Protein backbone atom coordinates (compact mmCIF):
# COMPACT_ATOMS: atom_id res chain seq x y z
CA MET A 1 -73.29 25.14 15.36
CA LYS A 2 -71.07 22.56 13.68
CA LYS A 3 -69.50 23.48 10.37
CA PRO A 4 -70.65 21.37 7.44
CA PHE A 5 -68.21 18.62 6.49
CA TYR A 6 -67.40 20.11 3.10
CA ILE A 7 -66.29 23.40 4.73
CA LYS A 8 -63.88 21.55 7.03
CA TYR A 9 -62.61 19.61 4.02
CA LEU A 10 -62.14 22.83 2.07
CA LEU A 11 -60.18 24.41 4.92
CA ILE A 12 -57.86 21.40 5.09
CA ILE A 13 -57.19 21.59 1.33
CA ILE A 14 -56.45 25.33 1.58
CA ALA A 15 -54.02 24.71 4.47
CA VAL A 16 -52.19 21.95 2.57
CA LEU A 17 -51.93 24.09 -0.56
CA ALA A 18 -50.55 26.98 1.50
CA ILE A 19 -47.85 24.74 3.03
CA ASN A 20 -46.92 23.32 -0.38
CA SER A 21 -46.81 26.81 -1.88
CA GLN A 22 -44.51 27.97 0.92
CA SER A 23 -42.21 24.95 0.39
CA ILE A 24 -42.02 25.64 -3.34
CA CYS A 25 -41.19 29.27 -2.64
CA TYR A 26 -38.41 28.28 -0.22
CA GLY A 27 -37.07 25.82 -2.79
CA GLN A 28 -37.05 28.42 -5.52
CA ASP A 29 -35.33 30.93 -3.23
CA LEU A 30 -32.64 28.37 -2.37
CA GLU A 31 -32.05 27.47 -6.01
CA SER A 32 -31.90 31.14 -6.97
CA ASN A 33 -29.39 31.89 -4.22
CA ILE A 34 -27.16 28.99 -5.25
CA ASP A 35 -27.43 29.97 -8.93
CA SER A 36 -26.28 33.49 -8.11
CA LEU A 37 -23.30 32.30 -6.10
CA LEU A 38 -22.10 29.87 -8.76
CA GLN A 39 -22.74 32.14 -11.76
CA GLU A 40 -20.61 34.81 -10.14
CA LYS A 41 -17.79 32.39 -9.28
CA TYR A 42 -17.83 30.52 -12.60
CA PRO A 43 -18.72 32.99 -15.40
CA SER A 44 -19.77 31.72 -18.82
CA ASP A 45 -16.54 32.77 -20.59
CA ALA A 46 -14.06 31.04 -18.23
CA PRO A 47 -13.25 27.53 -17.01
CA GLY A 48 -16.22 26.29 -15.06
CA ALA A 49 -17.61 23.70 -12.70
CA THR A 50 -20.42 21.26 -12.10
CA PHE A 51 -22.30 21.02 -8.82
CA LEU A 52 -24.72 18.49 -7.40
CA ILE A 53 -26.68 18.72 -4.16
CA SER A 54 -28.67 15.93 -2.55
CA LYS A 55 -30.84 15.80 0.54
CA ASN A 56 -32.35 12.68 2.03
CA GLU A 57 -30.99 10.66 -0.90
CA ASN A 58 -32.74 12.85 -3.49
CA ILE A 59 -30.88 15.10 -5.92
CA ILE A 60 -32.28 18.60 -5.42
CA TYR A 61 -29.81 20.56 -7.55
CA LYS A 62 -27.51 19.71 -10.47
CA LYS A 63 -26.10 22.35 -12.79
CA ALA A 64 -23.04 23.25 -14.83
CA PHE A 65 -21.33 26.62 -15.21
CA GLY A 66 -18.62 28.10 -17.41
CA LEU A 67 -16.66 26.31 -20.12
CA ALA A 68 -15.48 22.72 -20.45
CA ASN A 69 -13.00 23.67 -23.17
CA LEU A 70 -11.70 27.20 -23.77
CA GLU A 71 -10.19 26.52 -27.19
CA LEU A 72 -13.47 25.28 -28.64
CA ASN A 73 -15.73 27.46 -26.47
CA VAL A 74 -17.62 24.35 -25.29
CA PRO A 75 -20.08 25.01 -22.44
CA MET A 76 -19.83 22.86 -19.34
CA GLN A 77 -22.42 20.08 -18.98
CA SER A 78 -23.48 18.41 -15.74
CA GLU A 79 -22.35 14.99 -17.00
CA ASN A 80 -18.77 16.18 -17.63
CA VAL A 81 -15.86 14.21 -16.18
CA PHE A 82 -13.04 15.75 -14.10
CA GLU A 83 -9.84 14.74 -12.41
CA ILE A 84 -10.80 14.66 -8.72
CA GLY A 85 -7.31 14.81 -7.19
CA SER A 86 -7.13 13.90 -3.51
CA ILE A 87 -10.76 12.82 -3.26
CA THR A 88 -9.12 9.68 -4.66
CA LYS A 89 -7.95 9.06 -1.07
CA GLN A 90 -11.50 8.11 -0.10
CA PHE A 91 -11.46 5.28 -2.61
CA THR A 92 -8.03 4.15 -1.43
CA ALA A 93 -9.13 4.17 2.21
CA ILE A 94 -12.30 2.19 1.51
CA SER A 95 -10.27 -0.29 -0.58
CA ILE A 96 -7.99 -0.85 2.42
CA LEU A 97 -11.02 -1.39 4.66
CA MET A 98 -12.45 -3.86 2.15
CA LEU A 99 -9.21 -5.84 2.30
CA MET A 100 -9.35 -5.68 6.10
CA GLU A 101 -12.83 -7.23 6.06
CA ARG A 102 -11.49 -9.99 3.81
CA GLY A 103 -8.87 -10.81 6.42
CA LYS A 104 -5.99 -9.62 4.26
CA LEU A 105 -4.64 -7.06 6.71
CA ASP A 106 -4.97 -5.47 10.12
CA LEU A 107 -5.00 -1.71 10.54
CA ASN A 108 -2.26 -2.05 13.14
CA ASP A 109 0.02 -3.93 10.76
CA GLU A 110 3.39 -2.26 10.37
CA ILE A 111 4.38 -1.20 6.87
CA THR A 112 7.50 -3.37 7.05
CA LYS A 113 5.14 -6.37 6.84
CA PHE A 114 4.50 -5.33 3.23
CA ILE A 115 7.76 -3.51 2.42
CA PRO A 116 10.40 -5.34 4.50
CA ASP A 117 13.26 -3.04 3.50
CA TYR A 118 11.42 0.20 4.31
CA PRO A 119 13.77 2.26 6.52
CA THR A 120 11.57 2.99 9.56
CA LEU A 121 14.60 3.59 11.79
CA GLY A 122 13.07 1.36 14.42
CA LYS A 123 9.82 3.32 14.52
CA LYS A 124 6.44 1.56 14.37
CA ILE A 125 4.59 2.95 11.34
CA THR A 126 1.20 1.29 10.82
CA ILE A 127 -1.52 1.27 8.17
CA HIS A 128 -3.56 3.40 10.59
CA HIS A 129 -0.82 6.03 10.55
CA LEU A 130 -0.83 6.07 6.76
CA LEU A 131 -4.61 6.45 6.58
CA THR A 132 -4.68 9.32 9.09
CA HIS A 133 -1.64 11.32 7.85
CA THR A 134 0.17 10.75 11.13
CA SER A 135 3.07 8.55 9.95
CA GLY A 136 5.71 11.27 9.97
CA ILE A 137 6.94 10.11 6.56
CA LYS A 138 8.12 12.91 4.28
CA ASN A 139 5.40 14.12 1.92
CA TYR A 140 6.90 13.49 -1.51
CA THR A 141 4.87 16.25 -3.22
CA SER A 142 6.68 18.82 -1.04
CA MET A 143 10.11 17.71 -2.28
CA LYS A 144 11.80 20.03 -4.78
CA GLU A 145 13.15 17.06 -6.71
CA ILE A 146 9.66 16.01 -7.73
CA ARG A 147 9.76 18.10 -10.90
CA GLY A 148 12.53 15.88 -12.16
CA ILE A 149 10.28 12.80 -12.11
CA ALA A 150 6.90 14.40 -12.80
CA LYS A 151 6.64 13.07 -16.36
CA ASN A 152 8.21 9.68 -15.72
CA ASP A 153 6.09 6.53 -15.57
CA LEU A 154 7.05 4.92 -12.29
CA THR A 155 6.06 1.70 -10.55
CA PRO A 156 4.62 2.15 -7.05
CA LEU A 157 7.84 0.78 -5.51
CA ALA A 158 9.96 3.15 -7.62
CA LEU A 159 7.86 6.07 -6.37
CA ILE A 160 8.24 4.84 -2.79
CA ASP A 161 12.00 4.62 -3.34
CA PHE A 162 11.89 8.31 -4.31
CA PHE A 163 10.91 9.40 -0.78
CA LYS A 164 11.59 6.52 1.62
CA ASN A 165 15.10 7.63 2.62
CA GLU A 166 14.06 11.19 3.44
CA PRO A 167 14.27 12.20 7.12
CA MET A 168 10.97 11.77 8.96
CA ASP A 169 9.08 14.90 9.95
CA PHE A 170 8.03 13.60 13.38
CA GLU A 171 7.45 10.45 15.41
CA PRO A 172 4.49 8.33 14.23
CA GLY A 173 1.26 9.51 15.84
CA GLU A 174 2.76 12.71 17.23
CA GLN A 175 1.27 15.09 14.64
CA PHE A 176 -1.30 15.31 11.86
CA LYS A 177 0.36 16.53 8.66
CA TYR A 178 -1.38 15.99 5.35
CA ASN A 179 0.71 13.44 3.51
CA ASN A 180 0.43 12.02 0.00
CA SER A 181 3.28 9.56 0.58
CA GLY A 182 1.18 7.50 2.99
CA TYR A 183 -1.50 6.94 0.36
CA ILE A 184 1.13 5.89 -2.20
CA ILE A 185 2.21 3.14 0.21
CA LEU A 186 -1.46 2.20 0.76
CA GLY A 187 -1.90 1.86 -3.01
CA TYR A 188 1.05 -0.50 -3.16
CA ILE A 189 -0.36 -2.57 -0.27
CA ILE A 190 -3.67 -2.86 -2.16
CA GLU A 191 -1.80 -4.16 -5.21
CA LEU A 192 0.31 -6.58 -3.16
CA LEU A 193 -2.63 -8.14 -1.31
CA SER A 194 -5.14 -8.17 -4.19
CA GLU A 195 -2.60 -9.29 -6.82
CA GLN A 196 -3.92 -6.72 -9.28
CA ASN A 197 -2.98 -3.14 -10.01
CA TYR A 198 -4.66 -0.31 -8.14
CA ALA A 199 -6.66 0.89 -11.16
CA SER A 200 -8.10 -2.59 -11.75
CA PHE A 201 -8.92 -3.15 -8.09
CA VAL A 202 -10.88 0.10 -7.80
CA LYS A 203 -12.61 -0.51 -11.13
CA GLU A 204 -13.75 -4.05 -10.30
CA ASN A 205 -14.52 -3.63 -6.60
CA ILE A 206 -16.02 -0.14 -6.59
CA PHE A 207 -16.83 1.42 -9.95
CA LYS A 208 -18.47 -1.65 -11.49
CA LYS A 209 -20.35 -2.58 -8.33
CA LEU A 210 -21.79 0.93 -8.00
CA ASN A 211 -22.36 1.47 -11.74
CA MET A 212 -20.02 4.45 -11.69
CA THR A 213 -19.71 4.43 -15.47
CA SER A 214 -17.98 7.82 -15.73
CA SER A 215 -15.23 7.00 -13.23
CA SER A 216 -11.82 5.50 -13.86
CA TYR A 217 -8.09 5.91 -13.38
CA ALA A 218 -6.89 8.93 -15.37
CA THR A 219 -5.15 8.44 -18.72
CA HIS A 220 -3.38 10.56 -21.32
CA THR A 221 -3.99 8.11 -24.16
CA LYS A 222 -7.54 6.73 -24.00
CA ILE A 223 -10.56 8.71 -25.16
CA ILE A 224 -12.70 9.54 -22.12
CA LYS A 225 -16.24 10.53 -23.02
CA ASN A 226 -17.25 13.94 -21.61
CA LYS A 227 -13.78 14.56 -20.10
CA VAL A 228 -13.13 18.29 -19.71
CA SER A 229 -9.85 20.13 -20.29
CA GLY A 230 -7.93 21.39 -17.27
CA TYR A 231 -6.47 24.87 -16.95
CA HIS A 232 -4.11 26.99 -14.88
CA LYS A 233 -4.01 30.78 -14.73
CA ARG A 234 -1.05 33.12 -14.78
CA ASP A 235 -1.62 36.36 -16.65
CA ASP A 236 -4.11 34.42 -18.76
CA TYR A 237 -5.39 30.86 -18.83
CA ILE A 238 -2.96 28.15 -19.91
CA LYS A 239 -3.33 24.40 -20.26
CA ASN A 240 -2.56 22.30 -17.21
CA MET A 241 0.89 20.80 -16.76
CA HIS A 242 1.35 17.33 -18.23
CA ILE A 243 2.39 14.77 -15.61
CA SER A 244 2.46 11.00 -15.47
CA TYR A 245 -0.55 9.68 -13.56
CA THR A 246 1.77 7.21 -11.86
CA LEU A 247 2.90 10.20 -9.79
CA PRO A 248 -0.37 11.00 -7.93
CA TYR A 249 -1.35 7.29 -8.16
CA ALA A 250 -3.50 6.13 -5.21
CA ALA A 251 -3.32 9.61 -3.66
CA GLY A 252 -4.91 11.48 -6.56
CA SER A 253 -5.27 9.86 -10.01
CA LEU A 254 -8.99 9.09 -10.30
CA ILE A 255 -11.54 10.86 -12.51
CA SER A 256 -15.28 11.11 -12.00
CA SER A 257 -18.48 13.12 -12.47
CA VAL A 258 -20.92 14.64 -9.99
CA ASP A 259 -23.48 11.89 -10.69
CA ASP A 260 -20.93 9.18 -9.98
CA MET A 261 -19.80 10.95 -6.83
CA PHE A 262 -23.42 10.96 -5.67
CA LYS A 263 -23.51 7.19 -6.22
CA TRP A 264 -20.31 6.92 -4.21
CA GLN A 265 -21.75 8.94 -1.33
CA GLN A 266 -24.90 6.83 -1.27
CA ALA A 267 -22.83 3.65 -1.23
CA ILE A 268 -20.83 4.88 1.75
CA LYS A 269 -23.94 6.02 3.61
CA ASN A 270 -25.79 2.76 2.99
CA ASN A 271 -22.81 0.45 3.63
CA LEU A 272 -22.90 -1.11 0.17
CA LEU A 273 -19.17 -1.83 0.05
CA ILE A 274 -18.23 -2.39 3.68
CA SER A 275 -20.18 -3.12 6.84
CA LYS A 276 -21.72 -0.50 9.09
CA GLU A 277 -19.15 -1.24 11.80
CA THR A 278 -16.27 -0.86 9.38
CA THR A 279 -17.74 2.35 7.97
CA LYS A 280 -17.63 3.81 11.49
CA LYS A 281 -13.86 3.40 11.40
CA ALA A 282 -13.67 5.66 8.33
CA PHE A 283 -15.58 8.43 10.12
CA THR A 284 -14.02 8.24 13.57
CA ASN A 285 -12.28 11.41 14.68
CA TYR A 286 -8.98 9.85 15.71
CA THR A 287 -6.55 11.23 18.26
CA LEU A 288 -2.81 11.80 18.33
CA ASN A 289 -0.53 10.16 20.88
CA ASN A 290 -1.29 13.00 23.33
CA GLY A 291 -5.05 12.48 23.04
CA GLU A 292 -5.68 15.56 20.90
CA TYR A 293 -8.26 15.13 18.14
CA MET A 294 -6.80 15.30 14.64
CA ASN A 295 -10.17 15.96 12.90
CA TYR A 296 -9.49 13.26 10.32
CA GLY A 297 -10.74 9.72 9.83
CA TYR A 298 -9.76 7.44 6.97
CA GLY A 299 -9.95 9.51 3.77
CA TRP A 300 -12.29 12.17 5.18
CA HIS A 301 -11.77 15.30 7.27
CA ILE A 302 -14.08 15.29 10.29
CA LYS A 303 -15.17 18.88 10.84
CA THR A 304 -18.14 21.11 11.65
CA ILE A 305 -19.84 23.72 9.50
CA ASN A 306 -19.09 27.32 10.44
CA ASN A 307 -17.99 26.46 14.01
CA SER A 308 -21.43 25.04 14.80
CA ASP A 309 -22.38 21.59 16.10
CA THR A 310 -23.30 20.48 12.57
CA ARG A 311 -20.92 17.65 11.68
CA SER A 312 -19.27 17.62 8.27
CA PHE A 313 -17.40 14.78 6.56
CA GLU A 314 -15.47 16.36 3.72
CA HIS A 315 -12.46 16.27 1.43
CA GLY A 316 -11.06 18.35 -1.36
CA GLY A 317 -8.86 17.55 -4.31
CA SER A 318 -6.20 19.49 -6.18
CA ILE A 319 -4.24 18.32 -9.19
CA PHE A 320 -2.77 20.27 -12.11
CA GLY A 321 -5.72 21.94 -13.86
CA PHE A 322 -8.45 20.75 -11.50
CA LYS A 323 -9.96 21.41 -8.06
CA SER A 324 -12.74 19.50 -6.33
CA MET A 325 -14.64 19.48 -3.05
CA GLY A 326 -17.19 17.16 -1.46
CA VAL A 327 -19.08 17.92 1.76
CA TYR A 328 -21.48 15.57 3.55
CA LEU A 329 -23.58 16.62 6.55
CA PRO A 330 -24.58 13.29 8.13
CA ASP A 331 -27.09 14.67 10.63
CA SER A 332 -29.25 16.21 7.89
CA ASP A 333 -28.19 13.86 5.05
CA ILE A 334 -27.00 16.68 2.80
CA TYR A 335 -24.30 16.12 0.20
CA VAL A 336 -22.68 18.80 -1.95
CA ILE A 337 -20.07 17.99 -4.59
CA GLY A 338 -18.31 20.56 -6.75
CA LEU A 339 -15.85 19.74 -9.56
CA SER A 340 -13.93 22.48 -11.41
CA ASN A 341 -11.54 22.51 -14.37
CA CYS A 342 -9.13 25.24 -13.33
CA ASP A 343 -6.77 24.93 -10.38
CA CYS A 344 -7.14 28.72 -10.08
CA ASN A 345 -10.76 28.61 -8.90
CA SER A 346 -11.25 26.20 -6.03
CA PRO A 347 -14.81 25.15 -5.09
CA THR A 348 -13.81 24.45 -1.46
CA LYS A 349 -15.28 27.49 0.30
CA ILE A 350 -18.36 27.79 -1.87
CA THR A 351 -19.18 24.09 -1.47
CA ARG A 352 -19.11 24.49 2.30
CA LYS A 353 -21.22 27.64 2.02
CA ILE A 354 -23.81 25.87 -0.13
CA ALA A 355 -23.98 22.98 2.33
CA GLU A 356 -24.64 25.48 5.10
CA LEU A 357 -27.37 27.21 3.06
CA VAL A 358 -29.14 23.93 2.32
CA GLU A 359 -28.88 22.86 5.95
CA LYS A 360 -30.65 26.06 7.03
CA TYR A 361 -33.53 25.37 4.65
C-alpha cells in the first residue's frame, strides 16, 4: 500500500529539520571550542586579540578578547585597529605586481635598474629575489647597529644606505632566508615608478578601492579611531618601544583590523586588484637555484596544515607591541586572521590550529 502524500511530505520535513539541527549543533560546538581556546590564551585582564574566521566568503566567527588598553582597562572590540607588522609584505608584493601589469617593471629586472649605485658585486639580484627572500642581501633588522637609528625618520634611500654595503649572506637564489631589506628596496621601487610615496600608493590603489577604511600607514601623531595600545612583557607588561615607522616601512608599517583583512583576502581571492594569471604568481611555490622548493611565493608562505595535503597560504607579523597571523586554506576557502596587542602572545600557532579545526568541520 502506498503511503499517503502528506506522510511522505512529513517525513521529508522531519529529515530536513534533523539535518539542520545537526548542523547547528556542529556550529555551536565549533564556536564553543574556539571560544575556549581564545579565552584561555587571551584572558580578560591582559592584552588581548581579535579574531575573524570566514568560510566560503561568509564570516562565521568574529570576536574580541582581553584588553585594548591596560591603563584605562578598556576591553578589546572586534573593530579595533592593530599594527600588522610583516603582513604588510603582502600589500607590498601585490603593489609590485600591479606595477608589473601596468608595464612599469619586469620581475626579472635587476635592482641596479632602479638603484644604479647599489653594490651588487657583479651579482644579478632581481625583483623576484627580493619578493622571495632569496637575494642574499643582509637583513637590516638583524644588524646590531639598528638600535642607533630606530627612532630616526629616514628616507627609503637613507635606510637602504644603512645596509647596502654589508657583506651578502649568500649568492642570489641559493637560499631562502627571511629578509626585511628586500621589501625596503621594493617599497622604494614602488615610489620611484609610481611617483608617489609608499603610503599614498597603498592608500589610493588598495585601501580606497577595497573600502578598507580602518587601514593605513602607521603614525605616531594622527588620531586613529579604534587603535589599540601595544605592549611588551618583562616581569610585568610595559608599553611597546617607540620607533620611527620609516624603519619598518614597506616591510612592516601598515595598520588594519580583522574586518579590513577579510576584505583584503576576498580581493585577493577574487582577483579584484590584479588578474587571475598574475595572482598565480603570488601563490607559486618557487624553487631555489638547485630546484628545491622554498615554500614561499610573493608575500605569502606556501605551506600545508599539520603535515597534511591541505594547502595553506599564510603570513605572520611582528612589530614592537604587536603580533599578527593570517591563514588561508584555498581548497576549502577558509580564512582565519588573528591580531594581538602584545608581542609576548603570538597568535601564530593558535590561528593555524583554528584553521585546522574549521577545516575538519
